[in-house]
Amino acid sequence: MKRYKSRIAISLEAPERTRLEKLIFERKFKNLSQAIRAAITEFLNKPELNSKTSGG
């Protein structure tokens, strides 16, 4: 199955951008997109998000 990427635009406060750039500088991520994708994936995989039932 082919996976497609979508583009989105976000606005970051300066401190958030600086923290992400520091992670890139420390070679934790290759670029901002990779860092943001990792953060979103981690957030979406949180158990408390996945355990809630709809229809509450």
PDB file of N, CA and C in Angstrom:
ATOM      1  N   MET A   1       0.846  -1.169   0.000  1.00  0.00           N
ATOM      2  CA  MET A   1       0.000   0.000   0.000  1.00  0.00           C
ATOM      3  C   MET A   1       0.897   1.239   0.000  1.00  0.00           C
ATOM      4  N   LYS A   2       0.642   2.161  -0.899  1.00  0.00           N
ATOM      5  CA  LYS A   2       1.422   3.377  -0.993  1.00  0.00           C
ATOM      6  C   LYS A   2       0.909   4.384   0.033  1.00  0.00           C
ATOM      7  N   ARG A   3       1.837   5.018   0.720  1.00  0.00           N
ATOM      8  CA  ARG A   3       1.471   6.023   1.721  1.00  0.00           C
ATOM      9  C   ARG A   3       1.714   7.401   1.138  1.00  0.00           C
ATOM     10  N   TYR A   4       0.746   8.273   1.302  1.00  0.00           N
ATOM     11  CA  TYR A   4       0.850   9.630   0.803  1.00  0.00           C
ATOM     12  C   TYR A   4       0.997  10.588   1.972  1.00  0.00           C
ATOM     13  N   LYS A   5       1.797  11.604   1.783  1.00  0.00           N
ATOM     14  CA  LYS A   5       1.958  12.631   2.803  1.00  0.00           C
ATOM     15  C   LYS A   5       1.123  13.832   2.414  1.00  0.00           C
ATOM     16  N   SER A   6       0.587  14.485   3.415  1.00  0.00           N
ATOM     17  CA  SER A   6      -0.168  15.709   3.210  1.00  0.00           C
ATOM     18  C   SER A   6       0.618  16.868   3.794  1.00  0.00           C
ATOM     19  N   ARG A   7       0.461  18.006   3.193  1.00  0.00           N
ATOM     20  CA  ARG A   7       1.115  19.204   3.707  1.00  0.00           C
ATOM     21  C   ARG A   7       0.126  19.990   4.538  1.00  0.00           C
ATOM     22  N   ILE A   8       0.611  20.504   5.656  1.00  0.00           N
ATOM     23  CA  ILE A   8      -0.178  21.388   6.492  1.00  0.00           C
ATOM     24  C   ILE A   8       0.708  22.560   6.899  1.00  0.00           C
ATOM     25  N   ALA A   9       0.091  23.623   7.294  1.00  0.00           N
ATOM     26  CA  ALA A   9       0.839  24.785   7.785  1.00  0.00           C
ATOM     27  C   ALA A   9       0.507  24.968   9.254  1.00  0.00           C
ATOM     28  N   ILE A  10       1.517  25.272  10.054  1.00  0.00           N
ATOM     29  CA  ILE A  10       1.295  25.539  11.469  1.00  0.00           C
ATOM     30  C   ILE A  10       2.072  26.792  11.860  1.00  0.00           C
ATOM     31  N   SER A  11       1.630  27.399  12.928  1.00  0.00           N
ATOM     32  CA  SER A  11       2.341  28.545  13.491  1.00  0.00           C
ATOM     33  C   SER A  11       2.878  28.133  14.844  1.00  0.00           C
ATOM     34  N   LEU A  12       4.135  28.443  15.084  1.00  0.00           N
ATOM     35  CA  LEU A  12       4.768  28.132  16.355  1.00  0.00           C
ATOM     36  C   LEU A  12       5.219  29.415  17.031  1.00  0.00           C
ATOM     37  N   GLU A  13       5.141  29.414  18.336  1.00  0.00           N
ATOM     38  CA  GLU A  13       5.738  30.508  19.096  1.00  0.00           C
ATOM     39  C   GLU A  13       7.256  30.362  19.010  1.00  0.00           C
ATOM     40  N   ALA A  14       7.969  31.436  19.174  1.00  0.00           N
ATOM     41  CA  ALA A  14       9.430  31.415  19.063  1.00  0.00           C
ATOM     42  C   ALA A  14      10.086  30.389  19.992  1.00  0.00           C
ATOM     43  N   PRO A  15       9.666  30.269  21.257  1.00  0.00           N
ATOM     44  CA  PRO A  15      10.311  29.275  22.132  1.00  0.00           C
ATOM     45  C   PRO A  15      10.129  27.830  21.647  1.00  0.00           C
ATOM     46  N   GLU A  16       8.945  27.531  21.093  1.00  0.00           N
ATOM     47  CA  GLU A  16       8.708  26.182  20.561  1.00  0.00           C
ATOM     48  C   GLU A  16       9.613  25.912  19.368  1.00  0.00           C
ATOM     49  N   ARG A  17       9.713  26.882  18.481  1.00  0.00           N
ATOM     50  CA  ARG A  17      10.578  26.733  17.299  1.00  0.00           C
ATOM     51  C   ARG A  17      12.032  26.547  17.722  1.00  0.00           C
ATOM     52  N   THR A  18      12.467  27.319  18.714  1.00  0.00           N
ATOM     53  CA  THR A  18      13.844  27.222  19.206  1.00  0.00           C
ATOM     54  C   THR A  18      14.118  25.846  19.780  1.00  0.00           C
ATOM     55  N   ARG A  19      13.181  25.305  20.538  1.00  0.00           N
ATOM     56  CA  ARG A  19      13.368  23.965  21.115  1.00  0.00           C
ATOM     57  C   ARG A  19      13.464  22.904  20.035  1.00  0.00           C
ATOM     58  N   LEU A  20      12.629  23.016  19.006  1.00  0.00           N
ATOM     59  CA  LEU A  20      12.688  22.057  17.898  1.00  0.00           C
ATOM     60  C   LEU A  20      14.008  22.175  17.143  1.00  0.00           C
ATOM     61  N   GLU A  21      14.448  23.393  16.908  1.00  0.00           N
ATOM     62  CA  GLU A  21      15.716  23.595  16.204  1.00  0.00           C
ATOM     63  C   GLU A  21      16.892  23.047  17.011  1.00  0.00           C
ATOM     64  N   LYS A  22      16.798  23.123  18.335  1.00  0.00           N
ATOM     65  CA  LYS A  22      17.849  22.558  19.182  1.00  0.00           C
ATOM     66  C   LYS A  22      17.912  21.036  18.995  1.00  0.00           C
ATOM     67  N   LEU A  23      16.753  20.382  18.922  1.00  0.00           N
ATOM     68  CA  LEU A  23      16.733  18.937  18.696  1.00  0.00           C
ATOM     69  C   LEU A  23      17.352  18.582  17.352  1.00  0.00           C
ATOM     70  N   ILE A  24      17.102  19.398  16.356  1.00  0.00           N
ATOM     71  CA  ILE A  24      17.692  19.170  15.033  1.00  0.00           C
ATOM     72  C   ILE A  24      19.200  19.364  15.100  1.00  0.00           C
ATOM     73  N   PHE A  25      19.635  20.425  15.770  1.00  0.00           N
ATOM     74  CA  PHE A  25      21.061  20.688  15.916  1.00  0.00           C
ATOM     75  C   PHE A  25      21.759  19.533  16.630  1.00  0.00           C
ATOM     76  N   GLU A  26      21.091  18.947  17.621  1.00  0.00           N
ATOM     77  CA  GLU A  26      21.655  17.815  18.377  1.00  0.00           C
ATOM     78  C   GLU A  26      21.523  16.505  17.607  1.00  0.00           C
ATOM     79  N   ARG A  27      21.038  16.591  16.374  1.00  0.00           N
ATOM     80  CA  ARG A  27      20.886  15.443  15.474  1.00  0.00           C
ATOM     81  C   ARG A  27      19.876  14.407  15.972  1.00  0.00           C
ATOM     82  N   LYS A  28      18.894  14.872  16.712  1.00  0.00           N
ATOM     83  CA  LYS A  28      17.808  13.979  17.115  1.00  0.00           C
ATOM     84  C   LYS A  28      16.853  13.773  15.935  1.00  0.00           C
ATOM     85  N   PHE A  29      16.743  14.814  15.080  1.00  0.00           N
ATOM     86  CA  PHE A  29      15.894  14.773  13.899  1.00  0.00           C
ATOM     87  C   PHE A  29      16.638  15.436  12.749  1.00  0.00           C
ATOM     88  N   LYS A  30      16.250  15.081  11.529  1.00  0.00           N
ATOM     89  CA  LYS A  30      16.893  15.657  10.346  1.00  0.00           C
ATOM     90  C   LYS A  30      16.379  17.058  10.028  1.00  0.00           C
ATOM     91  N   ASN A  31      15.087  17.301  10.310  1.00  0.00           N
ATOM     92  CA  ASN A  31      14.487  18.587   9.961  1.00  0.00           C
ATOM     93  C   ASN A  31      13.238  18.828  10.807  1.00  0.00           C
ATOM     94  N   LEU A  32      12.654  20.009  10.649  1.00  0.00           N
ATOM     95  CA  LEU A  32      11.459  20.359  11.418  1.00  0.00           C
ATOM     96  C   LEU A  32      10.292  19.421  11.132  1.00  0.00           C
ATOM     97  N   SER A  33      10.108  19.063   9.886  1.00  0.00           N
ATOM     98  CA  SER A  33       8.993  18.165   9.545  1.00  0.00           C
ATOM     99  C   SER A  33       9.097  16.844  10.282  1.00  0.00           C
ATOM    100  N   GLN A  34      10.282  16.288  10.323  1.00  0.00           N
ATOM    101  CA  GLN A  34      10.479  15.007  11.008  1.00  0.00           C
ATOM    102  C   GLN A  34      10.208  15.154  12.506  1.00  0.00           C
ATOM    103  N   ALA A  35      10.661  16.231  13.097  1.00  0.00           N
ATOM    104  CA  ALA A  35      10.443  16.462  14.530  1.00  0.00           C
ATOM    105  C   ALA A  35       8.958  16.619  14.838  1.00  0.00           C
ATOM    106  N   ILE A  36       8.256  17.370  14.010  1.00  0.00           N
ATOM    107  CA  ILE A  36       6.827  17.587  14.238  1.00  0.00           C
ATOM    108  C   ILE A  36       6.035  16.309  14.005  1.00  0.00           C
ATOM    109  N   ARG A  37       6.391  15.541  12.972  1.00  0.00           N
ATOM    110  CA  ARG A  37       5.718  14.241  12.743  1.00  0.00           C
ATOM    111  C   ARG A  37       5.897  13.329  13.949  1.00  0.00           C
ATOM    112  N   ALA A  38       7.096  13.293  14.518  1.00  0.00           N
ATOM    113  CA  ALA A  38       7.351  12.445  15.687  1.00  0.00           C
ATOM    114  C   ALA A  38       6.499  12.890  16.877  1.00  0.00           C
ATOM    115  N   ALA A  39       6.385  14.192  17.074  1.00  0.00           N
ATOM    116  CA  ALA A  39       5.574  14.704  18.183  1.00  0.00           C
ATOM    117  C   ALA A  39       4.099  14.363  18.000  1.00  0.00           C
ATOM    118  N   ILE A  40       3.602  14.509  16.786  1.00  0.00           N
ATOM    119  CA  ILE A  40       2.198  14.181  16.512  1.00  0.00           C
ATOM    120  C   ILE A  40       1.946  12.688  16.695  1.00  0.00           C
ATOM    121  N   THR A  41       2.853  11.865  16.189  1.00  0.00           N
ATOM    122  CA  THR A  41       2.709  10.412  16.340  1.00  0.00           C
ATOM    123  C   THR A  41       2.698  10.019  17.812  1.00  0.00           C
ATOM    124  N   GLU A  42       3.613  10.586  18.582  1.00  0.00           N
ATOM    125  CA  GLU A  42       3.664  10.280  20.012  1.00  0.00           C
ATOM    126  C   GLU A  42       2.368  10.702  20.696  1.00  0.00           C
ATOM    127  N   PHE A  43       1.867  11.877  20.365  1.00  0.00           N
ATOM    128  CA  PHE A  43       0.630  12.360  20.948  1.00  0.00           C
ATOM    129  C   PHE A  43      -0.545  11.443  20.599  1.00  0.00           C
ATOM    130  N   LEU A  44      -0.653  11.062  19.328  1.00  0.00           N
ATOM    131  CA  LEU A  44      -1.771  10.223  18.896  1.00  0.00           C
ATOM    132  C   LEU A  44      -1.697   8.803  19.449  1.00  0.00           C
ATOM    133  N   ASN A  45      -0.528   8.356  19.835  1.00  0.00           N
ATOM    134  CA  ASN A  45      -0.379   7.010  20.382  1.00  0.00           C
ATOM    135  C   ASN A  45      -0.541   6.942  21.896  1.00  0.00           C
ATOM    136  N   LYS A  46      -0.849   8.054  22.528  1.00  0.00           N
ATOM    137  CA  LYS A  46      -1.048   8.049  23.979  1.00  0.00           C
ATOM    138  C   LYS A  46      -2.229   7.162  24.337  1.00  0.00           C
ATOM    139  N   PRO A  47      -2.030   6.283  25.309  1.00  0.00           N
ATOM    140  CA  PRO A  47      -3.114   5.360  25.692  1.00  0.00           C
ATOM    141  C   PRO A  47      -4.409   6.074  26.091  1.00  0.00           C
ATOM    142  N   GLU A  48      -4.300   7.203  26.771  1.00  0.00           N
ATOM    143  CA  GLU A  48      -5.529   7.880  27.212  1.00  0.00           C
ATOM    144  C   GLU A  48      -6.347   8.399  26.032  1.00  0.00           C
ATOM    145  N   LEU A  49      -5.731   8.638  24.901  1.00  0.00           N
ATOM    146  CA  LEU A  49      -6.482   9.050  23.708  1.00  0.00           C
ATOM    147  C   LEU A  49      -7.156   7.859  23.051  1.00  0.00           C
ATOM    148  N   ASN A  50      -6.513   6.716  23.111  1.00  0.00           N
ATOM    149  CA  ASN A  50      -7.022   5.521  22.420  1.00  0.00           C
ATOM    150  C   ASN A  50      -8.003   4.713  23.264  1.00  0.00           C
ATOM    151  N   SER A  51      -8.053   4.945  24.567  1.00  0.00           N
ATOM    152  CA  SER A  51      -8.919   4.127  25.415  1.00  0.00           C
ATOM    153  C   SER A  51     -10.300   4.725  25.617  1.00  0.00           C
ATOM    154  N   LYS A  52     -10.488   5.986  25.222  1.00  0.00           N
ATOM    155  CA  LYS A  52     -11.799   6.616  25.397  1.00  0.00           C
ATOM    156  C   LYS A  52     -12.790   6.038  24.397  1.00  0.00           C
ATOM    157  N   THR A  53     -13.986   5.826  24.877  1.00  0.00           N
ATOM    158  CA  THR A  53     -15.026   5.306  23.987  1.00  0.00           C
ATOM    159  C   THR A  53     -15.873   6.469  23.504  1.00  0.00           C
ATOM    160  N   SER A  54     -16.375   6.343  22.319  1.00  0.00           N
ATOM    161  CA  SER A  54     -17.265   7.391  21.810  1.00  0.00           C
ATOM    162  C   SER A  54     -18.675   7.110  22.287  1.00  0.00           C
ATOM    163  N   GLY A  55     -19.448   8.171  22.447  1.00  0.00           N
ATOM    164  CA  GLY A  55     -20.836   8.035  22.866  1.00  0.00           C
ATOM    165  C   GLY A  55     -21.012   8.183  24.352  1.00  0.00           C
ATOM    166  N   GLY A  56     -20.129   8.936  24.996  1.00  0.00           N
ATOM    167  CA  GLY A  56     -20.030   9.069  26.366  1.00  0.00           C
ATOM    168  C   GLY A  56     -20.862   9.676  27.280  1.00  0.00           C
TER     169      GLY A  56
END
